[in-house]
Amino acid sequence: METTDAPDRLLIQFSDGRFAFCPVSGGKIGTLASYPLPHGEKQADALRSLLRQKALQCPEGGATVLYDTDRVCLIPAEYYREEDAERYMTLSGIPGEAERRTVATAPRDGKIALISIARTVYDCLHSAYGDRLAYTHPLLESAVRHARKPLLAAALTRSFVHLSAYDGGLLFAETLPRHSDADLLYYLGALTKIYAGTNFRIEISGTDAPQLRRAAARYFRHTRLFRPSVNRSVAGSENVCDFTHLIRLNHENH
């Protein structure tokens, strides 16, 4: 599904150590690319340099940044007021910091994600994309799905497990740290105990999903892998699962 047309918009996934993106034209995904980012003080300079690339210039439809962090909380859209954003974050155990800024996503299925991002990153992104910049988060994208049957959805990135549980509606949604493969098995086990008696299907997507699906299948029944549909030229790439969230974000919004 690769396209060479001028992009309508950009999809970007930002994490502390990696920047990934793909252009979208007519609903079709173009070339997938990712770059490592340094940590600490050098990160802002590296990001500014990266955003000057022609491929990352702001298209007419703007840019959506999928910001990968555990400094996030979901709230009902009907209760959100901008002046209360920091209070919601504090109540969720994420106190405000001078070097960070809280941004809100657009409502999705009655939910809003509040995300705490580094102020230097915020400044870089807004300098590049201005008012045509929108934010989302893997947890929000996972939590707006409509599961017909009980489901545990584990959306994996390099540092986090974005975990959601459904049974006639959203039961649980939280971003949890991922230090090793054993973390996912622990989280799945804990949720199946909390909701004992619920016959969950388990769906695993994202970074290292194939190997973790195999590990989970030893302990949990009805475990499946979500693999995004991509152009043959990139389907065999070793890191194609790293782009699952971007690919899904495009397809599930068209």
C-alpha atoms as a PDB file:
ATOM      1  CA  MET A   1       0.000   0.000   0.000  1.00  0.00           C
ATOM      2  CA  GLU A   2       2.954   2.262  -0.502  1.00  0.00           C
ATOM      3  CA  THR A   3       2.357   5.539  -2.294  1.00  0.00           C
ATOM      4  CA  THR A   4       4.605   8.072  -4.006  1.00  0.00           C
ATOM      5  CA  ASP A   5       1.978  10.834  -4.153  1.00  0.00           C
ATOM      6  CA  ALA A   6       2.433  14.042  -2.190  1.00  0.00           C
ATOM      7  CA  PRO A   7       1.269  13.228   1.353  1.00  0.00           C
ATOM      8  CA  ASP A   8      -2.014  14.508   2.732  1.00  0.00           C
ATOM      9  CA  ARG A   9      -0.749  14.213   6.301  1.00  0.00           C
ATOM     10  CA  LEU A  10       1.984  12.729   8.463  1.00  0.00           C
ATOM     11  CA  LEU A  11       1.724  10.119  11.195  1.00  0.00           C
ATOM     12  CA  ILE A  12       4.541  10.280  13.754  1.00  0.00           C
ATOM     13  CA  GLN A  13       5.333   8.067  16.714  1.00  0.00           C
ATOM     14  CA  PHE A  14       7.604   9.628  19.309  1.00  0.00           C
ATOM     15  CA  SER A  15       9.218   7.834  22.210  1.00  0.00           C
ATOM     16  CA  ASP A  16      12.120   8.866  24.399  1.00  0.00           C
ATOM     17  CA  GLY A  17      14.688   7.073  22.257  1.00  0.00           C
ATOM     18  CA  ARG A  18      13.078   6.729  18.822  1.00  0.00           C
ATOM     19  CA  PHE A  19      11.239   8.768  16.210  1.00  0.00           C
ATOM     20  CA  ALA A  20       9.149   6.885  13.618  1.00  0.00           C
ATOM     21  CA  PHE A  21       6.923   8.263  10.884  1.00  0.00           C
ATOM     22  CA  CYS A  22       5.034   7.561   7.691  1.00  0.00           C
ATOM     23  CA  PRO A  23       3.354   9.856   5.152  1.00  0.00           C
ATOM     24  CA  VAL A  24      -0.261   9.174   4.190  1.00  0.00           C
ATOM     25  CA  SER A  25      -1.808  10.015   0.827  1.00  0.00           C
ATOM     26  CA  GLY A  26      -5.416   9.227   0.010  1.00  0.00           C
ATOM     27  CA  GLY A  27      -5.607   7.001   3.068  1.00  0.00           C
ATOM     28  CA  LYS A  28      -2.646   4.925   1.862  1.00  0.00           C
ATOM     29  CA  ILE A  29       0.571   4.635   3.850  1.00  0.00           C
ATOM     30  CA  GLY A  30       3.853   5.563   2.240  1.00  0.00           C
ATOM     31  CA  THR A  31       7.403   4.682   3.227  1.00  0.00           C
ATOM     32  CA  LEU A  32       7.918   3.724   6.874  1.00  0.00           C
ATOM     33  CA  ALA A  33      11.006   5.138   8.563  1.00  0.00           C
ATOM     34  CA  SER A  34      12.466   5.396  12.051  1.00  0.00           C
ATOM     35  CA  TYR A  35      15.462   7.109  13.629  1.00  0.00           C
ATOM     36  CA  PRO A  36      17.112   6.732  17.031  1.00  0.00           C
ATOM     37  CA  LEU A  37      17.154   9.792  19.265  1.00  0.00           C
ATOM     38  CA  PRO A  38      19.757  10.598  21.917  1.00  0.00           C
ATOM     39  CA  HIS A  39      18.674  11.028  25.507  1.00  0.00           C
ATOM     40  CA  GLY A  40      19.051  14.135  27.619  1.00  0.00           C
ATOM     41  CA  GLU A  41      20.126  17.569  26.483  1.00  0.00           C
ATOM     42  CA  LYS A  42      21.078  16.503  22.930  1.00  0.00           C
ATOM     43  CA  GLN A  43      17.619  15.206  22.143  1.00  0.00           C
ATOM     44  CA  ALA A  44      16.061  18.570  21.270  1.00  0.00           C
ATOM     45  CA  ASP A  45      18.887  19.446  18.839  1.00  0.00           C
ATOM     46  CA  ALA A  46      18.591  16.036  17.155  1.00  0.00           C
ATOM     47  CA  LEU A  47      14.823  16.427  16.863  1.00  0.00           C
ATOM     48  CA  ARG A  48      15.085  19.929  15.366  1.00  0.00           C
ATOM     49  CA  SER A  49      17.548  18.631  12.773  1.00  0.00           C
ATOM     50  CA  LEU A  50      15.320  15.672  11.958  1.00  0.00           C
ATOM     51  CA  LEU A  51      12.222  17.827  11.506  1.00  0.00           C
ATOM     52  CA  ARG A  52      14.014  19.912   8.878  1.00  0.00           C
ATOM     53  CA  GLN A  53      14.039  16.950   6.498  1.00  0.00           C
ATOM     54  CA  LYS A  54      11.879  17.364   3.397  1.00  0.00           C
ATOM     55  CA  ALA A  55       9.967  14.168   4.173  1.00  0.00           C
ATOM     56  CA  LEU A  56       8.829  15.673   7.482  1.00  0.00           C
ATOM     57  CA  GLN A  57       7.641  19.037   6.199  1.00  0.00           C
ATOM     58  CA  CYS A  58       4.076  19.769   7.236  1.00  0.00           C
ATOM     59  CA  PRO A  59       1.514  18.677   4.613  1.00  0.00           C
ATOM     60  CA  GLU A  60      -1.866  20.308   4.127  1.00  0.00           C
ATOM     61  CA  GLY A  61      -3.588  17.828   6.427  1.00  0.00           C
ATOM     62  CA  GLY A  62      -1.112  18.390   9.243  1.00  0.00           C
ATOM     63  CA  ALA A  63       0.654  15.885  11.475  1.00  0.00           C
ATOM     64  CA  THR A  64      -0.597  13.518  14.165  1.00  0.00           C
ATOM     65  CA  VAL A  65       1.896  12.553  16.858  1.00  0.00           C
ATOM     66  CA  LEU A  66       1.374   9.250  18.659  1.00  0.00           C
ATOM     67  CA  TYR A  67       3.274  10.044  21.868  1.00  0.00           C
ATOM     68  CA  ASP A  68       4.513   6.912  23.628  1.00  0.00           C
ATOM     69  CA  THR A  69       4.776   7.480  27.387  1.00  0.00           C
ATOM     70  CA  ASP A  70       3.378   6.193  30.663  1.00  0.00           C
ATOM     71  CA  ARG A  71       2.626   9.765  31.747  1.00  0.00           C
ATOM     72  CA  VAL A  72      -0.935   9.560  30.487  1.00  0.00           C
ATOM     73  CA  CYS A  73      -4.466   9.367  31.822  1.00  0.00           C
ATOM     74  CA  LEU A  74      -7.820   8.805  30.123  1.00  0.00           C
ATOM     75  CA  ILE A  75     -10.852  10.808  31.189  1.00  0.00           C
ATOM     76  CA  PRO A  76     -14.456  11.026  29.932  1.00  0.00           C
ATOM     77  CA  ALA A  77     -14.626  13.785  27.335  1.00  0.00           C
ATOM     78  CA  GLU A  78     -17.777  15.220  28.925  1.00  0.00           C
ATOM     79  CA  TYR A  79     -15.862  16.068  32.109  1.00  0.00           C
ATOM     80  CA  TYR A  80     -12.816  17.649  30.490  1.00  0.00           C
ATOM     81  CA  ARG A  81     -12.062  21.318  31.013  1.00  0.00           C
ATOM     82  CA  GLU A  82      -8.705  22.693  29.923  1.00  0.00           C
ATOM     83  CA  GLU A  83      -8.138  24.535  33.192  1.00  0.00           C
ATOM     84  CA  ASP A  84      -8.470  21.251  35.115  1.00  0.00           C
ATOM     85  CA  ALA A  85      -5.914  19.287  33.071  1.00  0.00           C
ATOM     86  CA  GLU A  86      -3.133  19.460  35.654  1.00  0.00           C
ATOM     87  CA  ARG A  87      -5.525  18.473  38.430  1.00  0.00           C
ATOM     88  CA  TYR A  88      -6.583  15.365  36.525  1.00  0.00           C
ATOM     89  CA  MET A  89      -2.940  14.440  36.010  1.00  0.00           C
ATOM     90  CA  THR A  90      -2.121  14.926  39.692  1.00  0.00           C
ATOM     91  CA  LEU A  91      -5.102  12.785  40.714  1.00  0.00           C
ATOM     92  CA  SER A  92      -3.721  10.083  38.399  1.00  0.00           C
ATOM     93  CA  GLY A  93      -0.343  10.178  40.168  1.00  0.00           C
ATOM     94  CA  ILE A  94       1.405  12.309  37.539  1.00  0.00           C
ATOM     95  CA  PRO A  95       2.367  15.579  39.226  1.00  0.00           C
ATOM     96  CA  GLY A  96       3.237  18.607  37.130  1.00  0.00           C
ATOM     97  CA  GLU A  97       6.877  19.445  36.427  1.00  0.00           C
ATOM     98  CA  ALA A  98       8.349  22.698  35.156  1.00  0.00           C
ATOM     99  CA  GLU A  99      10.156  20.957  32.289  1.00  0.00           C
ATOM    100  CA  ARG A 100       7.009  19.179  31.071  1.00  0.00           C
ATOM    101  CA  ARG A 101       3.729  20.226  29.518  1.00  0.00           C
ATOM    102  CA  THR A 102       0.325  18.529  29.480  1.00  0.00           C
ATOM    103  CA  VAL A 103      -1.506  18.263  26.147  1.00  0.00           C
ATOM    104  CA  ALA A 104      -4.984  16.933  25.430  1.00  0.00           C
ATOM    105  CA  THR A 105      -6.035  14.782  22.510  1.00  0.00           C
ATOM    106  CA  ALA A 106      -9.217  15.226  20.534  1.00  0.00           C
ATOM    107  CA  PRO A 107     -12.154  13.178  21.899  1.00  0.00           C
ATOM    108  CA  ARG A 108     -12.342   9.584  20.691  1.00  0.00           C
ATOM    109  CA  ASP A 109     -15.386   7.468  21.522  1.00  0.00           C
ATOM    110  CA  GLY A 110     -16.179   9.727  24.468  1.00  0.00           C
ATOM    111  CA  LYS A 111     -12.622   9.681  25.859  1.00  0.00           C
ATOM    112  CA  ILE A 112      -9.737  12.137  25.979  1.00  0.00           C
ATOM    113  CA  ALA A 113      -6.108  11.337  26.748  1.00  0.00           C
ATOM    114  CA  LEU A 114      -4.056  13.822  28.746  1.00  0.00           C
ATOM    115  CA  ILE A 115      -0.361  13.388  27.988  1.00  0.00           C
ATOM    116  CA  SER A 116       2.630  14.872  29.784  1.00  0.00           C
ATOM    117  CA  ILE A 117       5.425  15.591  27.312  1.00  0.00           C
ATOM    118  CA  ALA A 118       8.854  17.161  27.621  1.00  0.00           C
ATOM    119  CA  ARG A 119       8.588  20.904  27.060  1.00  0.00           C
ATOM    120  CA  THR A 120      11.579  20.869  24.696  1.00  0.00           C
ATOM    121  CA  VAL A 121       9.868  18.243  22.530  1.00  0.00           C
ATOM    122  CA  TYR A 122       6.629  20.236  22.600  1.00  0.00           C
ATOM    123  CA  ASP A 123       8.489  23.350  21.418  1.00  0.00           C
ATOM    124  CA  CYS A 124      10.195  21.449  18.573  1.00  0.00           C
ATOM    125  CA  LEU A 125       6.976  19.882  17.310  1.00  0.00           C
ATOM    126  CA  HIS A 126       4.953  23.069  17.490  1.00  0.00           C
ATOM    127  CA  SER A 127       7.689  25.035  15.766  1.00  0.00           C
ATOM    128  CA  ALA A 128       7.525  22.552  12.890  1.00  0.00           C
ATOM    129  CA  TYR A 129       3.751  21.987  12.636  1.00  0.00           C
ATOM    130  CA  GLY A 130       2.024  24.811  14.501  1.00  0.00           C
ATOM    131  CA  ASP A 131      -1.766  24.636  14.634  1.00  0.00           C
ATOM    132  CA  ARG A 132      -1.812  21.632  12.287  1.00  0.00           C
ATOM    133  CA  LEU A 133      -0.395  19.367  14.984  1.00  0.00           C
ATOM    134  CA  ALA A 134      -2.615  16.852  16.814  1.00  0.00           C
ATOM    135  CA  TYR A 135      -1.723  14.359  19.529  1.00  0.00           C
ATOM    136  CA  THR A 136      -2.867  10.873  20.343  1.00  0.00           C
ATOM    137  CA  HIS A 137      -1.585   8.015  22.499  1.00  0.00           C
ATOM    138  CA  PRO A 138      -1.384   4.209  22.060  1.00  0.00           C
ATOM    139  CA  LEU A 139      -3.590   3.710  25.112  1.00  0.00           C
ATOM    140  CA  LEU A 140      -6.325   5.948  23.706  1.00  0.00           C
ATOM    141  CA  GLU A 141      -6.164   4.236  20.322  1.00  0.00           C
ATOM    142  CA  SER A 142      -6.489   0.858  22.031  1.00  0.00           C
ATOM    143  CA  ALA A 143      -9.267   1.966  24.368  1.00  0.00           C
ATOM    144  CA  VAL A 144     -11.641   3.186  21.651  1.00  0.00           C
ATOM    145  CA  ARG A 145     -12.019  -0.214  20.040  1.00  0.00           C
ATOM    146  CA  HIS A 146     -15.360  -1.989  20.216  1.00  0.00           C
ATOM    147  CA  ALA A 147     -14.852  -5.598  21.247  1.00  0.00           C
ATOM    148  CA  ARG A 148     -17.832  -7.860  20.647  1.00  0.00           C
ATOM    149  CA  LYS A 149     -16.515 -10.507  23.039  1.00  0.00           C
ATOM    150  CA  PRO A 150     -14.372 -10.273  26.202  1.00  0.00           C
ATOM    151  CA  LEU A 151     -10.914  -9.134  25.106  1.00  0.00           C
ATOM    152  CA  LEU A 152      -7.526  -8.290  26.599  1.00  0.00           C
ATOM    153  CA  ALA A 153      -5.573  -6.136  24.140  1.00  0.00           C
ATOM    154  CA  ALA A 154      -1.846  -5.679  24.721  1.00  0.00           C
ATOM    155  CA  ALA A 155      -0.327  -3.022  22.444  1.00  0.00           C
ATOM    156  CA  LEU A 156       3.453  -3.213  22.831  1.00  0.00           C
ATOM    157  CA  THR A 157       6.116  -0.592  22.283  1.00  0.00           C
ATOM    158  CA  ARG A 158       9.792  -0.848  23.194  1.00  0.00           C
ATOM    159  CA  SER A 159       9.286   0.528  26.707  1.00  0.00           C
ATOM    160  CA  PHE A 160       5.601  -0.001  27.537  1.00  0.00           C
ATOM    161  CA  VAL A 161       2.605  -2.307  27.473  1.00  0.00           C
ATOM    162  CA  HIS A 162      -0.578  -0.402  26.655  1.00  0.00           C
ATOM    163  CA  LEU A 163      -3.145  -2.752  28.141  1.00  0.00           C
ATOM    164  CA  SER A 164      -6.930  -2.637  27.750  1.00  0.00           C
ATOM    165  CA  ALA A 165      -9.671  -5.015  28.881  1.00  0.00           C
ATOM    166  CA  TYR A 166     -13.215  -5.171  27.483  1.00  0.00           C
ATOM    167  CA  ASP A 167     -16.395  -7.035  28.339  1.00  0.00           C
ATOM    168  CA  GLY A 168     -19.466  -5.250  27.061  1.00  0.00           C
ATOM    169  CA  GLY A 169     -17.473  -2.021  27.371  1.00  0.00           C
ATOM    170  CA  LEU A 170     -14.075  -0.831  28.567  1.00  0.00           C
ATOM    171  CA  LEU A 171     -13.138  -2.361  31.938  1.00  0.00           C
ATOM    172  CA  PHE A 172      -9.487  -1.363  32.269  1.00  0.00           C
ATOM    173  CA  ALA A 173      -6.944   0.777  30.436  1.00  0.00           C
ATOM    174  CA  GLU A 174      -3.438   1.542  31.630  1.00  0.00           C
ATOM    175  CA  THR A 175       0.088   2.021  30.321  1.00  0.00           C
ATOM    176  CA  LEU A 176       2.553  -0.164  32.209  1.00  0.00           C
ATOM    177  CA  PRO A 177       6.363  -0.456  32.077  1.00  0.00           C
ATOM    178  CA  ARG A 178       7.990  -3.126  29.967  1.00  0.00           C
ATOM    179  CA  HIS A 179      11.427  -4.155  31.195  1.00  0.00           C
ATOM    180  CA  SER A 180      11.370  -7.767  29.965  1.00  0.00           C
ATOM    181  CA  ASP A 181       9.127 -10.259  28.184  1.00  0.00           C
ATOM    182  CA  ALA A 182       7.996 -11.570  31.568  1.00  0.00           C
ATOM    183  CA  ASP A 183       6.247  -8.268  32.320  1.00  0.00           C
ATOM    184  CA  LEU A 184       3.530  -8.918  29.743  1.00  0.00           C
ATOM    185  CA  LEU A 185       2.834 -12.411  31.096  1.00  0.00           C
ATOM    186  CA  TYR A 186       2.573 -11.000  34.623  1.00  0.00           C
ATOM    187  CA  TYR A 187       0.120  -8.283  33.573  1.00  0.00           C
ATOM    188  CA  LEU A 188      -2.052 -10.719  31.632  1.00  0.00           C
ATOM    189  CA  GLY A 189      -2.084 -13.121  34.572  1.00  0.00           C
ATOM    190  CA  ALA A 190      -3.021 -10.357  37.018  1.00  0.00           C
ATOM    191  CA  LEU A 191      -5.935  -9.162  34.898  1.00  0.00           C
ATOM    192  CA  THR A 192      -7.317 -12.651  34.342  1.00  0.00           C
ATOM    193  CA  LYS A 193      -7.318 -13.081  38.135  1.00  0.00           C
ATOM    194  CA  ILE A 194      -8.951  -9.699  38.755  1.00  0.00           C
ATOM    195  CA  TYR A 195     -11.684 -10.547  36.264  1.00  0.00           C
ATOM    196  CA  ALA A 196     -11.866 -14.242  37.133  1.00  0.00           C
ATOM    197  CA  GLY A 197     -14.651 -16.033  35.335  1.00  0.00           C
ATOM    198  CA  THR A 198     -14.394 -13.868  32.212  1.00  0.00           C
ATOM    199  CA  ASN A 199     -13.290 -15.875  29.199  1.00  0.00           C
ATOM    200  CA  PHE A 200     -10.988 -13.309  27.603  1.00  0.00           C
ATOM    201  CA  ARG A 201      -9.485 -13.574  24.169  1.00  0.00           C
ATOM    202  CA  ILE A 202      -5.993 -12.055  24.148  1.00  0.00           C
ATOM    203  CA  GLU A 203      -4.705  -9.956  21.258  1.00  0.00           C
ATOM    204  CA  ILE A 204      -1.062  -8.888  21.125  1.00  0.00           C
ATOM    205  CA  SER A 205       0.290  -6.256  18.740  1.00  0.00           C
ATOM    206  CA  GLY A 206       3.337  -4.078  18.302  1.00  0.00           C
ATOM    207  CA  THR A 207       7.041  -4.454  19.025  1.00  0.00           C
ATOM    208  CA  ASP A 208       8.170  -8.106  19.405  1.00  0.00           C
ATOM    209  CA  ALA A 209       4.534  -9.210  19.207  1.00  0.00           C
ATOM    210  CA  PRO A 210       5.176 -12.546  17.403  1.00  0.00           C
ATOM    211  CA  GLN A 211       7.581 -13.899  20.029  1.00  0.00           C
ATOM    212  CA  LEU A 212       5.457 -12.628  22.919  1.00  0.00           C
ATOM    213  CA  ARG A 213       2.320 -14.137  21.439  1.00  0.00           C
ATOM    214  CA  ARG A 214       4.090 -17.507  21.372  1.00  0.00           C
ATOM    215  CA  ALA A 215       5.148 -17.083  25.012  1.00  0.00           C
ATOM    216  CA  ALA A 216       1.655 -16.054  26.102  1.00  0.00           C
ATOM    217  CA  ALA A 217       0.020 -18.962  24.252  1.00  0.00           C
ATOM    218  CA  ARG A 218       1.731 -21.385  26.640  1.00  0.00           C
ATOM    219  CA  TYR A 219      -0.299 -20.002  29.537  1.00  0.00           C
ATOM    220  CA  PHE A 220      -3.430 -18.429  28.039  1.00  0.00           C
ATOM    221  CA  ARG A 221      -5.976 -19.873  25.633  1.00  0.00           C
ATOM    222  CA  HIS A 222      -7.348 -17.980  22.638  1.00  0.00           C
ATOM    223  CA  THR A 223      -4.230 -15.869  22.157  1.00  0.00           C
ATOM    224  CA  ARG A 224      -3.816 -14.226  18.759  1.00  0.00           C
ATOM    225  CA  LEU A 225      -1.416 -11.897  17.007  1.00  0.00           C
ATOM    226  CA  PHE A 226      -2.489  -8.688  15.307  1.00  0.00           C
ATOM    227  CA  ARG A 227      -0.199  -8.046  12.352  1.00  0.00           C
ATOM    228  CA  PRO A 228      -0.786  -4.890  10.286  1.00  0.00           C
ATOM    229  CA  SER A 229      -1.309  -5.109   6.543  1.00  0.00           C
ATOM    230  CA  VAL A 230       1.585  -3.400   4.766  1.00  0.00           C
ATOM    231  CA  ASN A 231       3.158  -3.238   1.328  1.00  0.00           C
ATOM    232  CA  ARG A 232       5.253  -6.269   0.381  1.00  0.00           C
ATOM    233  CA  SER A 233       8.363  -4.113   0.216  1.00  0.00           C
ATOM    234  CA  VAL A 234       8.253  -3.574   3.971  1.00  0.00           C
ATOM    235  CA  ALA A 235       6.324  -6.656   5.136  1.00  0.00           C
ATOM    236  CA  GLY A 236       9.551  -8.578   5.673  1.00  0.00           C
ATOM    237  CA  SER A 237      11.319  -5.833   7.606  1.00  0.00           C
ATOM    238  CA  GLU A 238      12.601  -6.930  10.991  1.00  0.00           C
ATOM    239  CA  ASN A 239      11.054  -3.964  12.745  1.00  0.00           C
ATOM    240  CA  VAL A 240       7.712  -3.817  10.920  1.00  0.00           C
ATOM    241  CA  CYS A 241       5.900  -4.488  14.208  1.00  0.00           C
ATOM    242  CA  ASP A 242       7.344  -1.235  15.555  1.00  0.00           C
ATOM    243  CA  PHE A 243       5.030   0.561  13.124  1.00  0.00           C
ATOM    244  CA  THR A 244       1.866  -1.317  14.093  1.00  0.00           C
ATOM    245  CA  HIS A 245       0.432   1.662  15.984  1.00  0.00           C
ATOM    246  CA  LEU A 246       0.949   4.061  13.080  1.00  0.00           C
ATOM    247  CA  ILE A 247      -0.505   1.655  10.519  1.00  0.00           C
ATOM    248  CA  ARG A 248      -3.490   0.916  12.720  1.00  0.00           C
ATOM    249  CA  LEU A 249      -4.028   4.606  13.438  1.00  0.00           C
ATOM    250  CA  ASN A 250      -4.316   5.277   9.724  1.00  0.00           C
ATOM    251  CA  HIS A 251      -6.604   2.358   8.878  1.00  0.00           C
ATOM    252  CA  GLU A 252      -8.932   2.750  11.856  1.00  0.00           C
ATOM    253  CA  ASN A 253      -9.524   6.432  11.121  1.00  0.00           C
ATOM    254  CA  HIS A 254     -10.549   5.931   7.482  1.00  0.00           C
END
